[in-house]
Amino acid sequence: MRGESPEISVTVNGNVYQHGYYLVDGIYPNWGVFVKPVSVPKDANEVAFTKVHAAVRKDVERAFGVLQARWHVVARPCSFWHQEDLNLVMMTCIVLHNMIVEDEHGQVELSPLDFWPPDSHFDIH
């Protein structure tokens, strides 16, 4: 809203990006940081992009749904929290969730990298 975005450095296929990008659906405004699906795909690339976009967005929504169901603190409004506190709460919930899932099923469901603090640098290959 104020023309600000989190400081982030992401490398994708050798290209460095200095801003975060957010997967959203079609109801969001046309801002440079919002990656929306193609509403009417015209070729195979746009169809593939729209399918992958929907799948990844559903994965993120599912991950937050899992965390909200297990820890109510994630579902409550947090606009007045400090960014560092939000990062710690999310990381703690993910780690605890993974510990429970691993204990129950022997596998890990979520990665803390899915919710890594926005001022961190990471590479995607």
Foldseek 3Di string as FASTA:
>chain_A
DPPDAFAEWEAEPNDIDGGAADEDEDVDDPDPRYDYQDPDDDDPVSVVRNVVSVVVVVLVVVVLVVLCVVDVVSVDDDPPPDLVVVLVVVLVSQVVQQVVCCVVPVGGDDDNVVVHRRNDYDYDD
